[in-house]
Amino acid sequence: MTTSPAQAGRPRDPDVDRRVADAAITLFGETGWAGFSVEAVAKQASVGKASIYLRWPTKEALLVEALRLRVGIIDDVDTGSLREDLIRLARQIVRRGIRRGEIPEGTSITLLLDTLVGGATTHVQTTPKDMRETLRADAARYAEQLVDFLLGAVNLAAVSFAGRSRRLTRS
């Protein structure tokens, strides 16, 4: 009896897949394509390059799979236009947050996304050229602060609006 290549050897360790995907996303976010390599991902994930190449034949395949695992399936969004795909994808992300109860039902998706993009754009455009390297190095922290501030404001506004509505109905 022969075994197929998929059955030969030890079973894959799902923790390795997770660590490699996490490392790939982190590395790509920090360094972009220019700093993205299988060797750098292997080092960050604490696995051998051979483990990565057994799973993914190229660094392109690795990044695509890591994004699919971490960001979700985006094949479901295909309007025939990249612009429309990105708009629809962003709206789906916000709608998922509403369904999970992370932000209130009735939150304006357009206003939320406009505020997020506007805040990031203003931050970049108003940063003096001599501080751009610092801006790049601090981008992840700023993104976290901006998102936390925005979601906090959305939830605070909902609580405030609910309080005003209750006061009006009692009058």
N, C-alpha and C. Protein backbone atom coordinates (compact mmCIF):
# COMPACT_ATOMS: atom_id res chain seq x y z
N MET A 1 0.85 -1.18 0.00
CA MET A 1 0.00 0.00 0.00
C MET A 1 0.90 1.25 0.00
N THR A 2 0.60 2.18 -0.86
CA THR A 2 1.38 3.42 -0.92
C THR A 2 0.58 4.55 -0.32
N THR A 3 1.31 5.52 0.16
CA THR A 3 0.62 6.69 0.72
C THR A 3 0.81 7.87 -0.21
N SER A 4 -0.18 8.73 -0.23
CA SER A 4 -0.08 9.93 -1.06
C SER A 4 0.84 10.93 -0.36
N PRO A 5 1.40 11.88 -1.12
CA PRO A 5 2.29 12.86 -0.50
C PRO A 5 1.63 13.63 0.65
N ALA A 6 0.33 13.85 0.56
CA ALA A 6 -0.35 14.59 1.62
C ALA A 6 -0.39 13.78 2.92
N GLN A 7 -0.29 12.44 2.82
CA GLN A 7 -0.36 11.60 4.01
C GLN A 7 1.01 11.20 4.53
N ALA A 8 2.04 11.39 3.73
CA ALA A 8 3.37 10.94 4.11
C ALA A 8 3.92 11.82 5.23
N GLY A 9 4.72 11.20 6.10
CA GLY A 9 5.40 11.97 7.15
C GLY A 9 4.47 12.40 8.28
N ARG A 10 5.03 13.28 9.12
CA ARG A 10 4.26 13.79 10.25
C ARG A 10 3.15 14.71 9.77
N PRO A 11 2.06 14.77 10.52
CA PRO A 11 1.03 15.76 10.16
C PRO A 11 1.57 17.17 10.43
N ARG A 12 1.04 18.12 9.69
CA ARG A 12 1.44 19.51 9.89
C ARG A 12 1.05 20.00 11.27
N ASP A 13 1.88 20.83 11.82
CA ASP A 13 1.60 21.47 13.11
C ASP A 13 0.84 22.77 12.84
N PRO A 14 -0.44 22.85 13.20
CA PRO A 14 -1.20 24.07 12.92
C PRO A 14 -0.63 25.30 13.62
N ASP A 15 0.08 25.09 14.73
CA ASP A 15 0.69 26.21 15.43
C ASP A 15 1.79 26.85 14.57
N VAL A 16 2.50 26.03 13.80
CA VAL A 16 3.53 26.57 12.91
C VAL A 16 2.86 27.44 11.83
N ASP A 17 1.77 26.94 11.26
CA ASP A 17 1.05 27.72 10.25
C ASP A 17 0.61 29.07 10.82
N ARG A 18 0.07 29.05 12.04
CA ARG A 18 -0.40 30.27 12.68
C ARG A 18 0.75 31.23 12.94
N ARG A 19 1.84 30.70 13.50
CA ARG A 19 3.00 31.56 13.81
C ARG A 19 3.59 32.17 12.55
N VAL A 20 3.68 31.38 11.50
CA VAL A 20 4.24 31.88 10.24
C VAL A 20 3.32 32.94 9.64
N ALA A 21 2.00 32.68 9.64
CA ALA A 21 1.06 33.67 9.11
C ALA A 21 1.13 34.98 9.90
N ASP A 22 1.15 34.86 11.22
CA ASP A 22 1.27 36.07 12.06
C ASP A 22 2.56 36.82 11.78
N ALA A 23 3.66 36.08 11.68
CA ALA A 23 4.95 36.72 11.41
C ALA A 23 4.96 37.38 10.03
N ALA A 24 4.37 36.71 9.05
CA ALA A 24 4.35 37.26 7.69
C ALA A 24 3.56 38.57 7.65
N ILE A 25 2.40 38.60 8.30
CA ILE A 25 1.58 39.81 8.32
C ILE A 25 2.31 40.93 9.06
N THR A 26 2.88 40.60 10.20
CA THR A 26 3.61 41.61 10.98
C THR A 26 4.79 42.16 10.20
N LEU A 27 5.58 41.28 9.63
CA LEU A 27 6.75 41.71 8.87
C LEU A 27 6.35 42.56 7.67
N PHE A 28 5.34 42.12 6.94
CA PHE A 28 4.91 42.88 5.77
C PHE A 28 4.38 44.26 6.19
N GLY A 29 3.64 44.31 7.29
CA GLY A 29 3.14 45.59 7.79
C GLY A 29 4.25 46.53 8.22
N GLU A 30 5.33 45.99 8.78
CA GLU A 30 6.43 46.81 9.27
C GLU A 30 7.41 47.22 8.18
N THR A 31 7.67 46.32 7.21
CA THR A 31 8.73 46.58 6.25
C THR A 31 8.27 46.69 4.81
N GLY A 32 7.01 46.32 4.54
CA GLY A 32 6.55 46.31 3.16
C GLY A 32 7.19 45.19 2.36
N TRP A 33 6.94 45.22 1.06
CA TRP A 33 7.46 44.15 0.20
C TRP A 33 8.98 44.14 0.16
N ALA A 34 9.59 45.32 0.24
CA ALA A 34 11.05 45.41 0.15
C ALA A 34 11.74 44.64 1.27
N GLY A 35 11.16 44.60 2.46
CA GLY A 35 11.78 43.91 3.57
C GLY A 35 11.21 42.54 3.84
N PHE A 36 10.32 42.09 2.97
CA PHE A 36 9.63 40.81 3.17
C PHE A 36 10.43 39.70 2.51
N SER A 37 10.82 38.71 3.31
CA SER A 37 11.53 37.54 2.77
C SER A 37 11.16 36.32 3.60
N VAL A 38 11.32 35.15 3.00
CA VAL A 38 11.05 33.90 3.71
C VAL A 38 11.99 33.79 4.90
N GLU A 39 13.24 34.17 4.71
CA GLU A 39 14.21 34.10 5.80
C GLU A 39 13.79 34.98 6.99
N ALA A 40 13.34 36.20 6.70
CA ALA A 40 12.92 37.11 7.78
C ALA A 40 11.67 36.60 8.48
N VAL A 41 10.74 36.03 7.72
CA VAL A 41 9.52 35.46 8.31
C VAL A 41 9.90 34.27 9.19
N ALA A 42 10.77 33.41 8.70
CA ALA A 42 11.19 32.23 9.47
C ALA A 42 11.82 32.66 10.79
N LYS A 43 12.68 33.66 10.74
CA LYS A 43 13.33 34.14 11.96
C LYS A 43 12.29 34.68 12.94
N GLN A 44 11.36 35.50 12.45
CA GLN A 44 10.35 36.09 13.33
C GLN A 44 9.41 35.04 13.91
N ALA A 45 9.13 33.99 13.13
CA ALA A 45 8.21 32.92 13.59
C ALA A 45 8.93 31.84 14.37
N SER A 46 10.25 31.91 14.44
CA SER A 46 11.07 30.89 15.10
C SER A 46 10.86 29.51 14.50
N VAL A 47 10.87 29.45 13.17
CA VAL A 47 10.79 28.17 12.46
C VAL A 47 11.88 28.16 11.40
N GLY A 48 12.18 27.00 10.90
CA GLY A 48 13.16 26.90 9.83
C GLY A 48 12.57 27.30 8.49
N LYS A 49 13.42 27.78 7.59
CA LYS A 49 12.95 28.14 6.25
C LYS A 49 12.35 26.92 5.55
N ALA A 50 12.91 25.75 5.82
CA ALA A 50 12.40 24.53 5.18
C ALA A 50 10.94 24.29 5.53
N SER A 51 10.56 24.59 6.78
CA SER A 51 9.15 24.43 7.19
C SER A 51 8.24 25.33 6.37
N ILE A 52 8.73 26.52 6.07
CA ILE A 52 7.93 27.45 5.28
C ILE A 52 7.83 26.97 3.84
N TYR A 53 8.98 26.58 3.26
CA TYR A 53 8.97 26.13 1.86
C TYR A 53 8.20 24.82 1.66
N LEU A 54 8.06 24.01 2.71
CA LEU A 54 7.23 22.81 2.59
C LEU A 54 5.75 23.18 2.44
N ARG A 55 5.39 24.33 2.98
CA ARG A 55 4.00 24.77 2.95
C ARG A 55 3.70 25.72 1.79
N TRP A 56 4.64 26.60 1.50
CA TRP A 56 4.43 27.62 0.48
C TRP A 56 5.64 27.66 -0.45
N PRO A 57 5.43 27.55 -1.77
CA PRO A 57 6.56 27.47 -2.69
C PRO A 57 7.30 28.81 -2.90
N THR A 58 6.61 29.92 -2.65
CA THR A 58 7.23 31.23 -2.87
C THR A 58 6.81 32.19 -1.76
N LYS A 59 7.53 33.29 -1.66
CA LYS A 59 7.15 34.29 -0.66
C LYS A 59 5.82 34.94 -1.05
N GLU A 60 5.52 35.02 -2.34
CA GLU A 60 4.22 35.55 -2.77
C GLU A 60 3.08 34.67 -2.28
N ALA A 61 3.24 33.35 -2.46
CA ALA A 61 2.22 32.40 -2.01
C ALA A 61 2.05 32.47 -0.49
N LEU A 62 3.16 32.62 0.21
CA LEU A 62 3.11 32.73 1.67
C LEU A 62 2.31 33.95 2.09
N LEU A 63 2.59 35.11 1.50
CA LEU A 63 1.90 36.33 1.89
C LEU A 63 0.42 36.26 1.54
N VAL A 64 0.09 35.74 0.37
CA VAL A 64 -1.32 35.62 -0.03
C VAL A 64 -2.07 34.75 0.96
N GLU A 65 -1.49 33.60 1.31
CA GLU A 65 -2.15 32.69 2.25
C GLU A 65 -2.24 33.31 3.65
N ALA A 66 -1.20 33.99 4.08
CA ALA A 66 -1.22 34.64 5.40
C ALA A 66 -2.32 35.70 5.45
N LEU A 67 -2.43 36.48 4.40
CA LEU A 67 -3.50 37.49 4.35
C LEU A 67 -4.87 36.83 4.34
N ARG A 68 -5.00 35.75 3.58
CA ARG A 68 -6.28 35.04 3.54
C ARG A 68 -6.66 34.50 4.92
N LEU A 69 -5.67 33.95 5.63
CA LEU A 69 -5.93 33.40 6.95
C LEU A 69 -6.25 34.48 7.98
N ARG A 70 -5.56 35.60 7.91
CA ARG A 70 -5.69 36.64 8.93
C ARG A 70 -6.73 37.70 8.61
N VAL A 71 -6.89 38.02 7.33
CA VAL A 71 -7.81 39.09 6.97
C VAL A 71 -9.17 38.53 6.56
N GLY A 72 -9.18 37.34 6.06
CA GLY A 72 -10.43 36.73 5.63
C GLY A 72 -10.47 36.59 4.13
N ILE A 73 -11.49 35.94 3.67
CA ILE A 73 -11.64 35.70 2.25
C ILE A 73 -12.17 36.96 1.58
N ILE A 74 -11.41 37.48 0.66
CA ILE A 74 -11.89 38.66 -0.04
C ILE A 74 -12.36 38.31 -1.45
N ASP A 75 -12.29 37.02 -1.80
CA ASP A 75 -12.80 36.60 -3.10
C ASP A 75 -14.30 36.83 -3.21
N ASP A 76 -14.98 36.90 -2.06
CA ASP A 76 -16.42 37.10 -2.05
C ASP A 76 -16.80 38.47 -2.59
N VAL A 77 -15.85 39.40 -2.60
CA VAL A 77 -16.10 40.75 -3.07
C VAL A 77 -15.45 40.90 -4.43
N ASP A 78 -16.26 40.94 -5.47
CA ASP A 78 -15.73 41.17 -6.82
C ASP A 78 -16.79 41.88 -7.63
N THR A 79 -16.72 43.21 -7.61
CA THR A 79 -17.68 44.02 -8.34
C THR A 79 -17.22 44.30 -9.76
N GLY A 80 -15.97 43.92 -10.07
CA GLY A 80 -15.40 44.25 -11.36
C GLY A 80 -14.59 45.53 -11.32
N SER A 81 -14.52 46.16 -10.15
CA SER A 81 -13.77 47.40 -9.98
C SER A 81 -13.03 47.35 -8.66
N LEU A 82 -11.72 47.60 -8.69
CA LEU A 82 -10.93 47.60 -7.46
C LEU A 82 -11.49 48.62 -6.48
N ARG A 83 -11.80 49.80 -6.97
CA ARG A 83 -12.32 50.86 -6.10
C ARG A 83 -13.59 50.39 -5.38
N GLU A 84 -14.53 49.86 -6.14
CA GLU A 84 -15.78 49.39 -5.55
C GLU A 84 -15.55 48.21 -4.62
N ASP A 85 -14.62 47.32 -4.97
CA ASP A 85 -14.29 46.19 -4.10
C ASP A 85 -13.80 46.68 -2.74
N LEU A 86 -12.88 47.67 -2.76
CA LEU A 86 -12.34 48.20 -1.50
C LEU A 86 -13.42 48.88 -0.67
N ILE A 87 -14.28 49.62 -1.32
CA ILE A 87 -15.39 50.28 -0.60
C ILE A 87 -16.29 49.24 0.03
N ARG A 88 -16.67 48.24 -0.74
CA ARG A 88 -17.56 47.20 -0.22
C ARG A 88 -16.90 46.42 0.91
N LEU A 89 -15.61 46.12 0.75
CA LEU A 89 -14.89 45.38 1.78
C LEU A 89 -14.84 46.18 3.08
N ALA A 90 -14.53 47.46 2.99
CA ALA A 90 -14.49 48.30 4.20
C ALA A 90 -15.85 48.32 4.87
N ARG A 91 -16.91 48.44 4.08
CA ARG A 91 -18.26 48.46 4.65
C ARG A 91 -18.59 47.13 5.31
N GLN A 92 -18.16 46.03 4.70
CA GLN A 92 -18.43 44.71 5.30
C GLN A 92 -17.71 44.56 6.64
N ILE A 93 -16.51 45.08 6.74
CA ILE A 93 -15.76 45.01 7.99
C ILE A 93 -16.52 45.76 9.09
N VAL A 94 -17.01 46.96 8.79
CA VAL A 94 -17.76 47.74 9.78
C VAL A 94 -19.07 47.04 10.12
N ARG A 95 -19.75 46.50 9.13
CA ARG A 95 -21.01 45.78 9.40
C ARG A 95 -20.78 44.57 10.32
N ARG A 96 -19.67 43.86 10.12
CA ARG A 96 -19.35 42.73 11.02
C ARG A 96 -19.18 43.23 12.44
N GLY A 97 -18.52 44.37 12.61
CA GLY A 97 -18.35 44.95 13.95
C GLY A 97 -19.69 45.30 14.59
N ILE A 98 -20.61 45.79 13.79
CA ILE A 98 -21.96 46.11 14.30
C ILE A 98 -22.66 44.82 14.72
N ARG A 99 -22.60 43.79 13.86
CA ARG A 99 -23.26 42.50 14.18
C ARG A 99 -22.69 41.89 15.46
N ARG A 100 -21.39 42.06 15.69
CA ARG A 100 -20.77 41.51 16.90
C ARG A 100 -21.04 42.37 18.13
N GLY A 101 -21.67 43.52 17.95
CA GLY A 101 -21.97 44.39 19.07
C GLY A 101 -20.80 45.27 19.49
N GLU A 102 -19.77 45.37 18.66
CA GLU A 102 -18.60 46.19 19.00
C GLU A 102 -18.89 47.68 18.85
N ILE A 103 -19.80 48.00 17.96
CA ILE A 103 -20.29 49.37 17.82
C ILE A 103 -21.81 49.29 17.66
N PRO A 104 -22.50 50.36 18.02
CA PRO A 104 -23.97 50.30 18.04
C PRO A 104 -24.61 50.13 16.67
N GLU A 105 -25.74 49.47 16.68
CA GLU A 105 -26.61 49.37 15.51
C GLU A 105 -26.95 50.80 15.10
N GLY A 106 -27.00 51.06 13.83
CA GLY A 106 -27.33 52.40 13.37
C GLY A 106 -26.14 53.32 13.21
N THR A 107 -24.93 52.85 13.54
CA THR A 107 -23.73 53.65 13.34
C THR A 107 -23.59 53.95 11.84
N SER A 108 -23.31 55.19 11.52
CA SER A 108 -23.11 55.57 10.12
C SER A 108 -21.78 55.01 9.63
N ILE A 109 -21.86 54.05 8.72
CA ILE A 109 -20.65 53.44 8.18
C ILE A 109 -19.84 54.47 7.42
N THR A 110 -20.52 55.29 6.64
CA THR A 110 -19.83 56.32 5.85
C THR A 110 -19.10 57.30 6.76
N LEU A 111 -19.77 57.77 7.79
CA LEU A 111 -19.15 58.74 8.70
C LEU A 111 -17.96 58.10 9.43
N LEU A 112 -18.11 56.85 9.87
CA LEU A 112 -17.02 56.17 10.55
C LEU A 112 -15.80 56.03 9.64
N LEU A 113 -16.01 55.56 8.41
CA LEU A 113 -14.89 55.37 7.49
C LEU A 113 -14.29 56.71 7.07
N ASP A 114 -15.14 57.72 6.84
CA ASP A 114 -14.63 59.05 6.50
C ASP A 114 -13.74 59.60 7.61
N THR A 115 -14.18 59.42 8.84
CA THR A 115 -13.41 59.92 9.97
C THR A 115 -12.07 59.19 10.10
N LEU A 116 -12.11 57.89 9.93
CA LEU A 116 -10.87 57.09 10.01
C LEU A 116 -9.88 57.50 8.92
N VAL A 117 -10.34 57.53 7.69
CA VAL A 117 -9.46 57.87 6.58
C VAL A 117 -9.02 59.33 6.68
N GLY A 118 -9.94 60.21 7.05
CA GLY A 118 -9.60 61.62 7.18
C GLY A 118 -8.55 61.85 8.26
N GLY A 119 -8.69 61.17 9.38
CA GLY A 119 -7.71 61.30 10.46
C GLY A 119 -6.33 60.83 10.04
N ALA A 120 -6.28 59.69 9.37
CA ALA A 120 -4.99 59.16 8.92
C ALA A 120 -4.37 60.06 7.84
N THR A 121 -5.20 60.51 6.92
CA THR A 121 -4.71 61.38 5.85
C THR A 121 -4.17 62.69 6.40
N THR A 122 -4.92 63.30 7.30
CA THR A 122 -4.48 64.56 7.90
C THR A 122 -3.17 64.38 8.65
N HIS A 123 -3.07 63.28 9.39
CA HIS A 123 -1.85 62.99 10.15
C HIS A 123 -0.64 62.93 9.22
N VAL A 124 -0.78 62.23 8.12
CA VAL A 124 0.34 62.08 7.18
C VAL A 124 0.65 63.41 6.50
N GLN A 125 -0.38 64.09 6.03
CA GLN A 125 -0.17 65.33 5.27
C GLN A 125 0.37 66.47 6.10
N THR A 126 0.09 66.49 7.40
CA THR A 126 0.55 67.59 8.23
C THR A 126 1.88 67.30 8.94
N THR A 127 2.40 66.10 8.76
CA THR A 127 3.69 65.77 9.37
C THR A 127 4.80 66.40 8.54
N PRO A 128 5.67 67.19 9.16
CA PRO A 128 6.78 67.80 8.42
C PRO A 128 7.67 66.74 7.79
N LYS A 129 8.24 67.07 6.64
CA LYS A 129 9.07 66.11 5.90
C LYS A 129 10.20 65.53 6.74
N ASP A 130 10.78 66.34 7.60
CA ASP A 130 11.90 65.85 8.41
C ASP A 130 11.46 64.88 9.50
N MET A 131 10.16 64.74 9.69
CA MET A 131 9.64 63.81 10.71
C MET A 131 8.99 62.58 10.07
N ARG A 132 9.06 62.45 8.74
CA ARG A 132 8.38 61.35 8.05
C ARG A 132 8.90 59.98 8.46
N GLU A 133 10.20 59.86 8.71
CA GLU A 133 10.75 58.57 9.12
C GLU A 133 10.20 58.16 10.49
N THR A 134 10.08 59.12 11.39
CA THR A 134 9.47 58.86 12.70
C THR A 134 8.02 58.45 12.53
N LEU A 135 7.33 59.11 11.62
CA LEU A 135 5.93 58.78 11.33
C LEU A 135 5.81 57.33 10.87
N ARG A 136 6.69 56.92 9.95
CA ARG A 136 6.64 55.54 9.46
C ARG A 136 6.93 54.55 10.58
N ALA A 137 7.89 54.85 11.40
CA ALA A 137 8.26 53.94 12.49
C ALA A 137 7.15 53.82 13.52
N ASP A 138 6.33 54.85 13.64
CA ASP A 138 5.28 54.89 14.66
C ASP A 138 3.89 54.63 14.07
N ALA A 139 3.83 54.21 12.80
CA ALA A 139 2.55 54.07 12.11
C ALA A 139 1.60 53.08 12.79
N ALA A 140 2.10 51.95 13.22
CA ALA A 140 1.22 50.94 13.83
C ALA A 140 0.62 51.46 15.14
N ARG A 141 1.43 52.11 15.95
CA ARG A 141 0.92 52.67 17.21
C ARG A 141 -0.11 53.76 16.94
N TYR A 142 0.17 54.62 15.97
CA TYR A 142 -0.78 55.68 15.64
C TYR A 142 -2.10 55.09 15.13
N ALA A 143 -2.01 54.07 14.27
CA ALA A 143 -3.22 53.44 13.75
C ALA A 143 -4.07 52.86 14.89
N GLU A 144 -3.41 52.22 15.85
CA GLU A 144 -4.14 51.68 17.01
C GLU A 144 -4.81 52.80 17.80
N GLN A 145 -4.07 53.89 18.04
CA GLN A 145 -4.64 55.01 18.79
C GLN A 145 -5.82 55.63 18.05
N LEU A 146 -5.68 55.79 16.75
CA LEU A 146 -6.75 56.40 15.96
C LEU A 146 -8.00 55.53 15.98
N VAL A 147 -7.83 54.23 15.77
CA VAL A 147 -8.98 53.31 15.78
C VAL A 147 -9.61 53.27 17.17
N ASP A 148 -8.80 53.17 18.21
CA ASP A 148 -9.34 53.14 19.58
C ASP A 148 -10.11 54.42 19.89
N PHE A 149 -9.56 55.56 19.49
CA PHE A 149 -10.22 56.84 19.72
C PHE A 149 -11.55 56.90 18.97
N LEU A 150 -11.54 56.50 17.72
CA LEU A 150 -12.75 56.54 16.90
C LEU A 150 -13.83 55.61 17.45
N LEU A 151 -13.46 54.38 17.78
CA LEU A 151 -14.46 53.44 18.30
C LEU A 151 -14.98 53.90 19.66
N GLY A 152 -14.09 54.46 20.49
CA GLY A 152 -14.53 55.01 21.77
C GLY A 152 -15.52 56.15 21.57
N ALA A 153 -15.23 57.02 20.61
CA ALA A 153 -16.13 58.15 20.33
C ALA A 153 -17.48 57.67 19.80
N VAL A 154 -17.46 56.67 18.94
CA VAL A 154 -18.72 56.13 18.40
C VAL A 154 -19.56 55.54 19.52
N ASN A 155 -18.94 54.77 20.39
CA ASN A 155 -19.68 54.16 21.50
C ASN A 155 -20.14 55.21 22.51
N LEU A 156 -19.32 56.22 22.79
CA LEU A 156 -19.71 57.29 23.70
C LEU A 156 -20.88 58.09 23.13
N ALA A 157 -20.83 58.36 21.84
CA ALA A 157 -21.93 59.10 21.20
C ALA A 157 -23.22 58.31 21.29
N ALA A 158 -23.13 56.99 21.13
CA ALA A 158 -24.34 56.16 21.21
C ALA A 158 -24.92 56.20 22.61
N VAL A 159 -24.08 56.13 23.63
CA VAL A 159 -24.53 56.19 25.02
C VAL A 159 -25.16 57.55 25.30
N SER A 160 -24.51 58.60 24.84
CA SER A 160 -25.02 59.95 25.04
C SER A 160 -26.37 60.13 24.34
N PHE A 161 -26.47 59.64 23.12
CA PHE A 161 -27.72 59.76 22.37
C PHE A 161 -28.82 58.97 23.06
N ALA A 162 -28.51 57.78 23.55
CA ALA A 162 -29.51 56.96 24.25
C ALA A 162 -29.99 57.67 25.51
N GLY A 163 -29.07 58.31 26.24
CA GLY A 163 -29.44 59.05 27.44
C GLY A 163 -30.37 60.21 27.13
N ARG A 164 -30.06 60.95 26.06
CA ARG A 164 -30.92 62.07 25.67
C ARG A 164 -32.29 61.57 25.24
N SER A 165 -32.33 60.46 24.53
CA SER A 165 -33.60 59.91 24.08
C SER A 165 -34.47 59.50 25.27
N ARG A 166 -33.85 58.90 26.30
CA ARG A 166 -34.62 58.50 27.48
C ARG A 166 -35.15 59.73 28.21
N ARG A 167 -34.36 60.79 28.30
CA ARG A 167 -34.82 62.02 28.97
C ARG A 167 -36.00 62.63 28.22
N LEU A 168 -35.95 62.61 26.90
CA LEU A 168 -37.02 63.19 26.09
C LEU A 168 -38.31 62.39 26.23
N THR A 169 -38.20 61.08 26.31
CA THR A 169 -39.41 60.25 26.40
C THR A 169 -40.05 60.35 27.77
N ARG A 170 -39.29 60.69 28.80
CA ARG A 170 -39.84 60.84 30.15
C ARG A 170 -40.56 62.18 30.32
N SER A 171 -40.19 63.16 29.54
CA SER A 171 -40.77 64.51 29.69
C SER A 171 -42.21 64.55 29.29
